């Protein structure tokens, strides 16, 4: 397989091209990307995403990366490799091995119309940590909101939020911007029009 970064081609353009080629629109708000991110994972693309997240947040003194299972794990893991720090993921499903001494929050999924309690063991986050949050999508911001609640419970610091695909036409980004949070998205979608994905034109 060819290396993804050739010449001046950026991760942004690569991701946009992959979304156009393999993404499937379901209705007016749902983008399905299970061929390279959500179910089948493209390791080379994940590797380049990890490098880009490192470039964007390398000056933020990140000590740990936090995501939510399951689709955020692959890009978070690649970012963790670049930073050389542990990756922690909040679990959505109850487990016999994860039941005591937890940080937890409730996350509502507009796509699935359900609420899930996400949780991590308290031993994996502390007030000494400066955490980069990574997720596959930013739409209404509920997953990031839940991770922020977990950071608050742990008295950990926020080092930024990295998003693979942002739906800029939904309210999640504004919610984070209003809090003064440093957010970087690798691809920003302006709209779904006539069955096509329209991207935000970056300066």
N, C-alpha and C. Protein backbone atom coordinates (compact mmCIF):
# COMPACT_ATOMS: atom_id res chain seq x y z
N UNK A 1 0.84 -1.20 0.00
CA UNK A 1 0.00 0.00 0.00
C UNK A 1 0.88 1.25 0.00
N UNK A 2 0.50 2.25 -0.81
CA UNK A 2 1.31 3.46 -0.88
C UNK A 2 1.24 4.22 0.44
N UNK A 3 2.31 4.92 0.75
CA UNK A 3 2.28 5.79 1.91
C UNK A 3 1.31 6.92 1.63
N UNK A 4 0.62 7.36 2.68
CA UNK A 4 -0.42 8.36 2.47
C UNK A 4 0.15 9.75 2.25
N UNK A 5 1.20 10.09 2.95
CA UNK A 5 1.70 11.45 2.84
C UNK A 5 2.72 11.52 1.72
N UNK A 6 2.34 12.15 0.63
CA UNK A 6 3.21 12.30 -0.51
C UNK A 6 3.16 13.76 -0.94
N UNK A 7 4.34 14.36 -1.12
CA UNK A 7 4.38 15.75 -1.53
C UNK A 7 3.68 16.63 -0.54
N UNK A 8 2.79 17.48 -1.05
CA UNK A 8 2.10 18.44 -0.20
C UNK A 8 0.73 17.97 0.27
N UNK A 9 0.38 16.73 -0.07
CA UNK A 9 -0.94 16.22 0.33
C UNK A 9 -1.02 16.13 1.84
N UNK A 10 -2.07 16.67 2.43
CA UNK A 10 -2.23 16.71 3.87
C UNK A 10 -3.23 15.68 4.35
N UNK A 11 -3.21 15.42 5.66
CA UNK A 11 -4.19 14.52 6.26
C UNK A 11 -5.60 15.04 6.02
N UNK A 12 -5.77 16.37 6.07
CA UNK A 12 -7.08 16.95 5.83
C UNK A 12 -7.62 16.54 4.46
N UNK A 13 -6.81 16.71 3.42
CA UNK A 13 -7.27 16.38 2.08
C UNK A 13 -7.49 14.87 1.91
N UNK A 14 -6.60 14.09 2.51
CA UNK A 14 -6.75 12.64 2.44
C UNK A 14 -8.05 12.19 3.08
N UNK A 15 -8.36 12.77 4.24
CA UNK A 15 -9.57 12.38 4.95
C UNK A 15 -10.81 12.84 4.18
N UNK A 16 -10.77 14.06 3.67
CA UNK A 16 -11.90 14.56 2.88
C UNK A 16 -12.15 13.67 1.66
N UNK A 17 -11.07 13.28 0.98
CA UNK A 17 -11.22 12.43 -0.19
C UNK A 17 -11.78 11.06 0.18
N UNK A 18 -11.35 10.54 1.33
CA UNK A 18 -11.83 9.23 1.76
C UNK A 18 -13.31 9.29 2.15
N UNK A 19 -13.71 10.39 2.77
CA UNK A 19 -15.12 10.56 3.12
C UNK A 19 -15.98 10.63 1.86
N UNK A 20 -15.52 11.38 0.87
CA UNK A 20 -16.26 11.49 -0.38
C UNK A 20 -16.35 10.14 -1.09
N UNK A 21 -15.26 9.38 -1.05
CA UNK A 21 -15.20 8.11 -1.77
C UNK A 21 -15.98 7.00 -1.06
N UNK A 22 -15.81 6.88 0.25
CA UNK A 22 -16.34 5.72 0.96
C UNK A 22 -17.44 6.04 1.96
N UNK A 23 -17.64 7.33 2.28
CA UNK A 23 -18.69 7.68 3.24
C UNK A 23 -20.08 7.51 2.64
N UNK A 24 -21.03 7.14 3.49
CA UNK A 24 -22.42 6.98 3.06
C UNK A 24 -23.31 7.89 3.88
N UNK A 25 -24.14 8.67 3.21
CA UNK A 25 -25.07 9.55 3.90
C UNK A 25 -26.36 8.81 4.20
N UNK A 26 -26.79 8.89 5.45
CA UNK A 26 -28.05 8.30 5.88
C UNK A 26 -28.94 9.43 6.38
N UNK A 27 -29.87 9.85 5.54
CA UNK A 27 -30.70 10.98 5.90
C UNK A 27 -29.94 12.28 5.77
N UNK A 28 -30.32 13.29 6.56
CA UNK A 28 -29.76 14.63 6.44
C UNK A 28 -28.65 14.92 7.46
N UNK A 29 -28.41 14.01 8.41
CA UNK A 29 -27.44 14.34 9.46
C UNK A 29 -26.45 13.23 9.76
N UNK A 30 -26.65 12.02 9.23
CA UNK A 30 -25.81 10.89 9.61
C UNK A 30 -24.85 10.53 8.47
N UNK A 31 -23.57 10.44 8.81
CA UNK A 31 -22.54 10.01 7.87
C UNK A 31 -21.96 8.69 8.35
N UNK A 32 -22.04 7.67 7.50
CA UNK A 32 -21.52 6.35 7.84
C UNK A 32 -20.14 6.18 7.24
N UNK A 33 -19.16 5.89 8.10
CA UNK A 33 -17.76 5.74 7.65
C UNK A 33 -17.18 4.44 8.18
N UNK A 34 -18.01 3.39 8.13
CA UNK A 34 -17.59 2.12 8.73
C UNK A 34 -16.57 1.36 7.89
N UNK A 35 -16.28 1.84 6.68
CA UNK A 35 -15.31 1.13 5.85
C UNK A 35 -13.87 1.48 6.19
N UNK A 36 -13.65 2.57 6.97
CA UNK A 36 -12.28 2.95 7.31
C UNK A 36 -12.09 3.44 8.73
N UNK A 37 -13.19 3.67 9.48
CA UNK A 37 -13.04 4.23 10.82
C UNK A 37 -13.86 3.52 11.89
N UNK A 38 -15.12 3.22 11.60
CA UNK A 38 -16.01 2.75 12.66
C UNK A 38 -16.09 1.25 12.84
N UNK A 39 -15.87 0.47 11.80
CA UNK A 39 -15.90 -0.98 11.95
C UNK A 39 -14.66 -1.60 11.32
N UNK A 40 -14.50 -1.38 10.02
CA UNK A 40 -13.22 -1.70 9.40
C UNK A 40 -12.32 -0.49 9.55
N UNK A 41 -11.07 -0.71 9.97
CA UNK A 41 -10.16 0.40 10.27
C UNK A 41 -8.99 0.38 9.31
N UNK A 42 -8.67 1.55 8.78
CA UNK A 42 -7.53 1.69 7.89
C UNK A 42 -6.31 2.09 8.73
N UNK A 43 -5.39 1.18 9.00
CA UNK A 43 -4.26 1.47 9.89
C UNK A 43 -3.35 2.59 9.40
N UNK A 44 -3.12 2.66 8.08
CA UNK A 44 -2.26 3.71 7.56
C UNK A 44 -2.87 5.09 7.76
N UNK A 45 -4.16 5.19 7.53
CA UNK A 45 -4.83 6.46 7.74
C UNK A 45 -4.83 6.83 9.22
N UNK A 46 -5.06 5.85 10.10
CA UNK A 46 -5.02 6.11 11.54
C UNK A 46 -3.63 6.60 11.96
N UNK A 47 -2.60 6.01 11.38
CA UNK A 47 -1.23 6.42 11.72
C UNK A 47 -1.00 7.88 11.37
N UNK A 48 -1.46 8.30 10.19
CA UNK A 48 -1.27 9.69 9.78
C UNK A 48 -2.11 10.64 10.63
N UNK A 49 -3.29 10.18 11.06
CA UNK A 49 -4.10 10.98 11.97
C UNK A 49 -3.36 11.20 13.29
N UNK A 50 -2.75 10.13 13.80
CA UNK A 50 -2.00 10.24 15.05
C UNK A 50 -0.88 11.26 14.94
N UNK A 51 -0.18 11.25 13.82
CA UNK A 51 0.90 12.23 13.61
C UNK A 51 0.35 13.65 13.57
N UNK A 52 -0.82 13.81 12.93
CA UNK A 52 -1.40 15.15 12.84
C UNK A 52 -1.89 15.65 14.19
N UNK A 53 -2.51 14.78 14.98
CA UNK A 53 -2.92 15.19 16.33
C UNK A 53 -1.70 15.58 17.16
N UNK A 54 -0.61 14.85 16.99
CA UNK A 54 0.62 15.21 17.71
C UNK A 54 1.11 16.58 17.27
N UNK A 55 1.11 16.84 15.98
CA UNK A 55 1.57 18.14 15.48
C UNK A 55 0.72 19.28 16.05
N UNK A 56 -0.59 19.04 16.14
CA UNK A 56 -1.51 20.09 16.58
C UNK A 56 -1.43 20.37 18.08
N UNK A 57 -1.09 19.34 18.88
CA UNK A 57 -1.14 19.49 20.34
C UNK A 57 0.20 19.24 21.03
N UNK A 58 1.29 19.16 20.27
CA UNK A 58 2.58 18.76 20.85
C UNK A 58 3.12 19.74 21.88
N UNK A 59 2.66 20.97 21.87
CA UNK A 59 3.15 21.96 22.82
C UNK A 59 2.28 22.08 24.06
N UNK A 60 1.31 21.17 24.20
CA UNK A 60 0.33 21.27 25.29
C UNK A 60 0.65 20.40 26.51
N UNK A 61 1.84 19.82 26.54
CA UNK A 61 2.27 19.01 27.70
C UNK A 61 1.28 17.90 28.05
N UNK A 62 0.88 17.15 27.04
CA UNK A 62 -0.10 16.07 27.23
C UNK A 62 0.54 14.90 27.98
N UNK A 63 -0.15 14.41 29.02
CA UNK A 63 0.34 13.26 29.78
C UNK A 63 -0.52 12.01 29.56
N UNK A 64 -1.72 12.21 29.02
CA UNK A 64 -2.62 11.07 28.83
C UNK A 64 -3.66 11.44 27.76
N UNK A 65 -4.17 10.42 27.07
CA UNK A 65 -5.22 10.62 26.08
C UNK A 65 -6.45 9.84 26.51
N UNK A 66 -7.61 10.49 26.40
CA UNK A 66 -8.88 9.87 26.80
C UNK A 66 -9.83 9.87 25.61
N UNK A 67 -10.50 8.74 25.40
CA UNK A 67 -11.53 8.63 24.38
C UNK A 67 -12.66 7.77 24.91
N UNK A 68 -13.66 7.53 24.06
CA UNK A 68 -14.81 6.69 24.42
C UNK A 68 -14.84 5.50 23.47
N UNK A 69 -15.11 4.31 24.00
CA UNK A 69 -15.20 3.16 23.10
C UNK A 69 -16.41 3.32 22.17
N UNK A 70 -16.36 2.80 20.95
CA UNK A 70 -15.20 2.07 20.48
C UNK A 70 -14.49 2.78 19.33
N UNK A 71 -15.22 3.64 18.63
CA UNK A 71 -14.66 4.20 17.40
C UNK A 71 -13.55 5.22 17.63
N UNK A 72 -13.46 5.76 18.83
CA UNK A 72 -12.39 6.71 19.12
C UNK A 72 -11.07 6.05 19.45
N UNK A 73 -11.09 4.73 19.69
CA UNK A 73 -9.89 4.06 20.19
C UNK A 73 -8.76 4.07 19.17
N UNK A 74 -9.06 3.76 17.90
CA UNK A 74 -7.99 3.66 16.90
C UNK A 74 -7.23 4.98 16.71
N UNK A 75 -7.91 6.12 16.45
CA UNK A 75 -7.15 7.36 16.32
C UNK A 75 -6.47 7.78 17.62
N UNK A 76 -7.12 7.50 18.77
CA UNK A 76 -6.51 7.85 20.05
C UNK A 76 -5.24 7.04 20.29
N UNK A 77 -5.27 5.77 19.93
CA UNK A 77 -4.11 4.91 20.13
C UNK A 77 -2.92 5.40 19.30
N UNK A 78 -3.19 5.78 18.05
CA UNK A 78 -2.11 6.28 17.19
C UNK A 78 -1.56 7.60 17.70
N UNK A 79 -2.45 8.45 18.24
CA UNK A 79 -1.98 9.69 18.85
C UNK A 79 -1.15 9.40 20.09
N UNK A 80 -1.59 8.45 20.90
CA UNK A 80 -0.85 8.07 22.09
C UNK A 80 0.54 7.58 21.76
N UNK A 81 0.65 6.84 20.65
CA UNK A 81 1.96 6.36 20.21
C UNK A 81 2.87 7.53 19.87
N UNK A 82 2.34 8.53 19.18
CA UNK A 82 3.16 9.68 18.81
C UNK A 82 3.57 10.51 20.03
N UNK A 83 2.65 10.66 20.98
CA UNK A 83 2.97 11.42 22.19
C UNK A 83 3.82 10.63 23.18
N UNK A 84 3.75 9.31 23.06
CA UNK A 84 4.45 8.47 24.03
C UNK A 84 3.77 8.47 25.39
N UNK A 85 2.42 8.52 25.39
CA UNK A 85 1.67 8.55 26.65
C UNK A 85 0.58 7.48 26.61
N UNK A 86 0.05 7.09 27.79
CA UNK A 86 -1.02 6.08 27.82
C UNK A 86 -2.32 6.59 27.22
N UNK A 87 -3.11 5.66 26.70
CA UNK A 87 -4.44 5.95 26.17
C UNK A 87 -5.46 5.26 27.06
N UNK A 88 -6.43 6.02 27.53
CA UNK A 88 -7.50 5.48 28.38
C UNK A 88 -8.81 5.62 27.61
N UNK A 89 -9.64 4.57 27.61
CA UNK A 89 -10.95 4.74 26.99
C UNK A 89 -12.05 4.47 27.99
N UNK A 90 -13.06 5.33 27.94
CA UNK A 90 -14.23 5.16 28.80
C UNK A 90 -15.11 4.07 28.20
N UNK A 91 -15.53 3.16 29.03
CA UNK A 91 -16.35 2.04 28.57
C UNK A 91 -17.82 2.39 28.66
N UNK A 92 -18.59 1.88 27.68
CA UNK A 92 -20.03 2.11 27.64
C UNK A 92 -20.82 0.98 28.28
N UNK A 93 -20.19 -0.16 28.41
CA UNK A 93 -20.92 -1.34 28.88
C UNK A 93 -20.40 -1.79 30.24
N UNK A 94 -21.30 -2.20 31.07
CA UNK A 94 -20.92 -2.64 32.41
C UNK A 94 -20.08 -3.91 32.33
N UNK A 95 -19.16 -4.06 33.27
CA UNK A 95 -18.26 -5.21 33.29
C UNK A 95 -18.05 -5.65 34.73
N UNK A 96 -17.86 -6.93 34.90
CA UNK A 96 -17.58 -7.45 36.24
C UNK A 96 -16.26 -6.92 36.79
N UNK A 97 -15.36 -6.52 35.87
CA UNK A 97 -14.05 -6.01 36.31
C UNK A 97 -14.03 -4.50 36.42
N UNK A 98 -15.15 -3.83 36.09
CA UNK A 98 -15.22 -2.38 36.16
C UNK A 98 -16.51 -1.99 36.87
N UNK A 99 -16.46 -2.00 38.21
CA UNK A 99 -17.69 -1.71 38.95
C UNK A 99 -17.48 -0.84 40.18
N UNK A 100 -16.24 -0.71 40.65
CA UNK A 100 -15.98 0.09 41.85
C UNK A 100 -14.95 1.17 41.56
N UNK A 101 -15.02 2.26 42.34
CA UNK A 101 -14.04 3.35 42.26
C UNK A 101 -13.95 3.88 40.84
N UNK A 102 -15.08 4.37 40.35
CA UNK A 102 -15.18 4.81 38.96
C UNK A 102 -15.43 6.32 38.86
N UNK A 103 -14.97 6.88 37.75
CA UNK A 103 -15.45 8.17 37.28
C UNK A 103 -16.47 7.85 36.19
N UNK A 104 -17.63 8.49 36.22
CA UNK A 104 -18.65 8.14 35.23
C UNK A 104 -19.46 9.36 34.82
N UNK A 105 -20.10 9.26 33.65
CA UNK A 105 -20.98 10.31 33.15
C UNK A 105 -21.98 9.67 32.20
N UNK A 106 -23.09 10.34 32.01
CA UNK A 106 -24.13 9.85 31.10
C UNK A 106 -24.02 10.59 29.77
N UNK A 107 -24.00 9.84 28.68
CA UNK A 107 -23.85 10.42 27.35
C UNK A 107 -25.06 10.03 26.51
N UNK A 108 -25.71 11.04 25.93
CA UNK A 108 -26.85 10.78 25.05
C UNK A 108 -26.40 10.76 23.60
N UNK A 109 -26.79 9.73 22.87
CA UNK A 109 -26.48 9.61 21.46
C UNK A 109 -27.69 10.00 20.63
N UNK A 110 -27.57 11.11 19.87
CA UNK A 110 -28.66 11.53 19.01
C UNK A 110 -28.83 10.54 17.85
N UNK A 111 -27.73 9.94 17.41
CA UNK A 111 -27.80 9.00 16.29
C UNK A 111 -28.57 7.75 16.67
N UNK A 112 -28.26 7.21 17.87
CA UNK A 112 -28.90 5.97 18.31
C UNK A 112 -30.12 6.21 19.18
N UNK A 113 -30.36 7.48 19.58
CA UNK A 113 -31.50 7.83 20.43
C UNK A 113 -31.48 7.07 21.74
N UNK A 114 -30.30 6.91 22.30
CA UNK A 114 -30.16 6.21 23.58
C UNK A 114 -29.14 6.94 24.46
N UNK A 115 -29.21 6.65 25.75
CA UNK A 115 -28.23 7.18 26.70
C UNK A 115 -27.37 6.05 27.22
N UNK A 116 -26.08 6.31 27.36
CA UNK A 116 -25.16 5.33 27.92
C UNK A 116 -24.37 5.96 29.06
N UNK A 117 -24.11 5.16 30.08
CA UNK A 117 -23.20 5.61 31.12
C UNK A 117 -21.79 5.19 30.72
N UNK A 118 -20.90 6.15 30.62
CA UNK A 118 -19.50 5.84 30.33
C UNK A 118 -18.72 5.91 31.64
N UNK A 119 -17.71 5.05 31.75
CA UNK A 119 -16.99 4.98 33.02
C UNK A 119 -15.55 4.54 32.80
N UNK A 120 -14.67 5.03 33.67
CA UNK A 120 -13.30 4.54 33.71
C UNK A 120 -12.88 4.37 35.17
N UNK A 121 -11.91 3.53 35.39
CA UNK A 121 -11.40 3.33 36.74
C UNK A 121 -10.67 4.58 37.21
N UNK A 122 -10.85 4.92 38.47
CA UNK A 122 -10.20 6.11 39.03
C UNK A 122 -8.68 6.02 39.02
N UNK A 123 -8.14 4.81 38.94
CA UNK A 123 -6.69 4.67 38.99
C UNK A 123 -6.00 5.15 37.72
N UNK A 124 -6.79 5.40 36.66
CA UNK A 124 -6.18 5.77 35.39
C UNK A 124 -6.16 7.27 35.12
N UNK A 125 -6.78 8.08 35.98
CA UNK A 125 -6.75 9.54 35.83
C UNK A 125 -6.55 10.18 37.19
N UNK A 126 -5.74 11.25 37.21
CA UNK A 126 -5.51 11.94 38.47
C UNK A 126 -5.34 13.43 38.23
N UNK A 127 -5.21 14.18 39.30
CA UNK A 127 -5.02 15.62 39.21
C UNK A 127 -3.67 15.99 38.58
N UNK A 128 -2.78 15.03 38.45
CA UNK A 128 -1.49 15.29 37.82
C UNK A 128 -1.55 15.20 36.30
N UNK A 129 -2.67 14.76 35.75
CA UNK A 129 -2.77 14.53 34.31
C UNK A 129 -3.25 15.76 33.55
N UNK A 130 -2.65 15.97 32.39
CA UNK A 130 -3.11 16.96 31.42
C UNK A 130 -3.55 16.17 30.19
N UNK A 131 -4.85 16.16 29.93
CA UNK A 131 -5.46 15.14 29.06
C UNK A 131 -5.90 15.71 27.72
N UNK A 132 -5.57 15.00 26.66
CA UNK A 132 -6.09 15.28 25.34
C UNK A 132 -7.27 14.35 25.08
N UNK A 133 -8.43 14.93 24.79
CA UNK A 133 -9.62 14.15 24.45
C UNK A 133 -9.65 13.93 22.95
N UNK A 134 -9.91 12.71 22.52
CA UNK A 134 -10.01 12.41 21.10
C UNK A 134 -11.29 11.62 20.84
N UNK A 135 -12.01 12.00 19.77
CA UNK A 135 -13.21 11.25 19.41
C UNK A 135 -13.33 11.22 17.90
N UNK A 136 -14.12 10.25 17.41
CA UNK A 136 -14.27 10.10 15.96
C UNK A 136 -15.13 11.20 15.36
N UNK A 137 -16.24 11.56 16.02
CA UNK A 137 -17.15 12.58 15.51
C UNK A 137 -17.41 13.65 16.56
N UNK A 138 -17.61 14.87 16.10
CA UNK A 138 -18.16 15.94 16.92
C UNK A 138 -19.41 16.43 16.22
N UNK A 139 -20.57 16.22 16.86
CA UNK A 139 -21.84 16.67 16.30
C UNK A 139 -22.52 17.57 17.33
N UNK A 140 -23.23 16.96 18.25
CA UNK A 140 -23.87 17.74 19.32
C UNK A 140 -23.00 17.86 20.57
N UNK A 141 -21.87 17.19 20.56
CA UNK A 141 -20.89 17.38 21.63
C UNK A 141 -21.13 16.57 22.88
N UNK A 142 -22.02 15.60 22.84
CA UNK A 142 -22.38 14.88 24.06
C UNK A 142 -21.25 13.98 24.57
N UNK A 143 -20.53 13.31 23.67
CA UNK A 143 -19.44 12.44 24.11
C UNK A 143 -18.32 13.26 24.76
N UNK A 144 -17.98 14.39 24.13
CA UNK A 144 -16.95 15.26 24.71
C UNK A 144 -17.43 15.82 26.05
N UNK A 145 -18.68 16.20 26.12
CA UNK A 145 -19.25 16.71 27.37
C UNK A 145 -19.09 15.67 28.48
N UNK A 146 -19.38 14.40 28.16
CA UNK A 146 -19.23 13.35 29.17
C UNK A 146 -17.79 13.17 29.60
N UNK A 147 -16.85 13.24 28.65
CA UNK A 147 -15.44 13.12 29.02
C UNK A 147 -14.97 14.30 29.85
N UNK A 148 -15.50 15.49 29.57
CA UNK A 148 -15.15 16.67 30.38
C UNK A 148 -15.64 16.50 31.82
N UNK A 149 -16.82 15.89 31.98
CA UNK A 149 -17.33 15.63 33.33
C UNK A 149 -16.41 14.67 34.08
N UNK A 150 -15.88 13.68 33.36
CA UNK A 150 -14.96 12.73 33.99
C UNK A 150 -13.66 13.42 34.40
N UNK A 151 -13.15 14.30 33.54
CA UNK A 151 -11.94 15.06 33.90
C UNK A 151 -12.17 15.90 35.15
N UNK A 152 -13.34 16.50 35.23
CA UNK A 152 -13.67 17.33 36.39
C UNK A 152 -13.70 16.48 37.67
N UNK A 153 -14.28 15.29 37.58
CA UNK A 153 -14.33 14.40 38.74
C UNK A 153 -12.93 14.00 39.20
N UNK A 154 -12.02 13.85 38.22
CA UNK A 154 -10.64 13.43 38.53
C UNK A 154 -9.74 14.60 38.89
N UNK A 155 -10.27 15.83 38.78
CA UNK A 155 -9.46 17.05 38.97
C UNK A 155 -8.28 17.10 38.00
N UNK A 156 -8.46 16.46 36.84
CA UNK A 156 -7.42 16.48 35.81
C UNK A 156 -7.59 17.72 34.94
N UNK A 157 -6.51 18.10 34.26
CA UNK A 157 -6.54 19.28 33.39
C UNK A 157 -6.85 18.87 31.96
N UNK A 158 -7.43 19.79 31.22
CA UNK A 158 -7.74 19.55 29.81
C UNK A 158 -6.66 20.16 28.93
N UNK A 159 -6.05 19.32 28.08
CA UNK A 159 -5.01 19.80 27.19
C UNK A 159 -5.50 20.07 25.79
N UNK A 160 -6.79 19.80 25.51
CA UNK A 160 -7.35 20.05 24.20
C UNK A 160 -8.29 18.93 23.77
N UNK A 161 -8.97 19.16 22.65
CA UNK A 161 -9.91 18.19 22.09
C UNK A 161 -9.56 17.98 20.62
N UNK A 162 -9.30 16.73 20.25
CA UNK A 162 -9.01 16.38 18.86
C UNK A 162 -10.14 15.55 18.29
N UNK A 163 -10.64 15.96 17.14
CA UNK A 163 -11.78 15.32 16.50
C UNK A 163 -11.39 14.86 15.10
N UNK A 164 -11.80 13.65 14.73
CA UNK A 164 -11.53 13.18 13.37
C UNK A 164 -12.45 13.87 12.38
N UNK A 165 -13.76 13.79 12.58
CA UNK A 165 -14.73 14.40 11.67
C UNK A 165 -15.71 15.26 12.47
N UNK A 166 -15.79 16.52 12.10
CA UNK A 166 -16.70 17.45 12.77
C UNK A 166 -17.85 17.82 11.85
N UNK A 167 -19.06 17.75 12.38
CA UNK A 167 -20.23 18.27 11.67
C UNK A 167 -20.42 19.71 12.14
N UNK A 168 -19.84 20.64 11.38
CA UNK A 168 -19.81 22.04 11.80
C UNK A 168 -21.19 22.67 11.82
N UNK A 169 -22.17 22.03 11.18
CA UNK A 169 -23.53 22.58 11.14
C UNK A 169 -24.34 22.20 12.38
N UNK A 170 -23.75 21.39 13.26
CA UNK A 170 -24.43 21.06 14.51
C UNK A 170 -23.77 21.81 15.66
N UNK A 171 -24.33 21.72 16.85
CA UNK A 171 -24.02 22.67 17.91
C UNK A 171 -22.81 22.32 18.76
N UNK A 172 -22.20 21.16 18.55
CA UNK A 172 -21.12 20.74 19.44
C UNK A 172 -19.93 21.69 19.46
N UNK A 173 -19.48 22.13 18.29
CA UNK A 173 -18.30 23.01 18.23
C UNK A 173 -18.55 24.32 18.95
N UNK A 174 -19.73 24.92 18.75
CA UNK A 174 -20.04 26.18 19.42
C UNK A 174 -20.03 26.02 20.93
N UNK A 175 -20.56 24.88 21.40
CA UNK A 175 -20.58 24.63 22.84
C UNK A 175 -19.16 24.64 23.42
N UNK A 176 -18.22 24.02 22.70
CA UNK A 176 -16.84 23.97 23.17
C UNK A 176 -16.14 25.30 23.00
N UNK A 177 -16.39 25.98 21.87
CA UNK A 177 -15.80 27.31 21.65
C UNK A 177 -16.25 28.29 22.72
N UNK A 178 -17.51 28.19 23.12
CA UNK A 178 -18.04 29.10 24.14
C UNK A 178 -17.35 28.91 25.49
N UNK A 179 -16.77 27.71 25.69
CA UNK A 179 -16.04 27.44 26.93
C UNK A 179 -14.54 27.75 26.80
N UNK A 180 -14.14 28.24 25.63
CA UNK A 180 -12.73 28.57 25.41
C UNK A 180 -11.84 27.35 25.27
N UNK A 181 -12.40 26.23 24.83
CA UNK A 181 -11.64 24.99 24.72
C UNK A 181 -10.93 24.93 23.37
N UNK A 182 -9.68 24.49 23.39
CA UNK A 182 -8.89 24.33 22.17
C UNK A 182 -9.35 23.07 21.45
N UNK A 183 -9.99 23.25 20.29
CA UNK A 183 -10.51 22.13 19.50
C UNK A 183 -9.85 22.12 18.13
N UNK A 184 -9.41 20.95 17.70
CA UNK A 184 -8.86 20.78 16.36
C UNK A 184 -9.56 19.59 15.70
N UNK A 185 -10.13 19.82 14.52
CA UNK A 185 -10.81 18.76 13.77
C UNK A 185 -10.06 18.50 12.48
N UNK A 186 -9.86 17.23 12.14
CA UNK A 186 -9.12 16.90 10.93
C UNK A 186 -9.95 17.12 9.67
N UNK A 187 -11.25 16.95 9.74
CA UNK A 187 -12.15 17.26 8.63
C UNK A 187 -13.39 17.93 9.21
N UNK A 188 -13.82 19.04 8.56
CA UNK A 188 -14.99 19.78 9.04
C UNK A 188 -16.04 19.81 7.94
N UNK A 189 -17.20 19.28 8.25
CA UNK A 189 -18.29 19.20 7.28
C UNK A 189 -19.22 20.39 7.48
N UNK A 190 -19.43 21.15 6.39
CA UNK A 190 -20.31 22.31 6.45
C UNK A 190 -21.77 21.93 6.29
N UNK A 191 -22.04 20.93 5.43
CA UNK A 191 -23.42 20.54 5.17
C UNK A 191 -23.46 19.25 4.36
N UNK A 192 -24.63 18.61 4.39
CA UNK A 192 -24.95 17.53 3.46
C UNK A 192 -25.96 18.10 2.47
N UNK A 193 -25.56 18.22 1.21
CA UNK A 193 -26.42 18.83 0.20
C UNK A 193 -26.57 17.91 -1.01
N UNK A 194 -27.83 17.61 -1.33
CA UNK A 194 -28.13 16.80 -2.53
C UNK A 194 -27.33 15.50 -2.56
N UNK A 195 -27.23 14.87 -1.39
CA UNK A 195 -26.54 13.59 -1.31
C UNK A 195 -25.03 13.69 -1.34
N UNK A 196 -24.49 14.91 -1.18
CA UNK A 196 -23.05 15.10 -1.18
C UNK A 196 -22.59 15.77 0.10
N UNK A 197 -21.33 15.50 0.46
CA UNK A 197 -20.73 16.12 1.64
C UNK A 197 -20.03 17.41 1.22
N UNK A 198 -20.37 18.51 1.86
CA UNK A 198 -19.72 19.79 1.61
C UNK A 198 -18.84 20.13 2.81
N UNK A 199 -17.58 20.43 2.55
CA UNK A 199 -16.65 20.70 3.63
C UNK A 199 -16.48 22.20 3.87
N UNK A 200 -16.14 22.53 5.12
CA UNK A 200 -15.82 23.91 5.46
C UNK A 200 -14.56 24.31 4.72
N UNK A 201 -14.57 25.45 4.10
CA UNK A 201 -13.38 25.94 3.41
C UNK A 201 -12.48 26.64 4.41
N UNK A 202 -11.31 26.03 4.66
CA UNK A 202 -10.38 26.58 5.63
C UNK A 202 -9.59 27.71 5.00
N UNK A 203 -9.22 28.69 5.86
CA UNK A 203 -8.38 29.80 5.40
C UNK A 203 -6.98 29.31 5.11
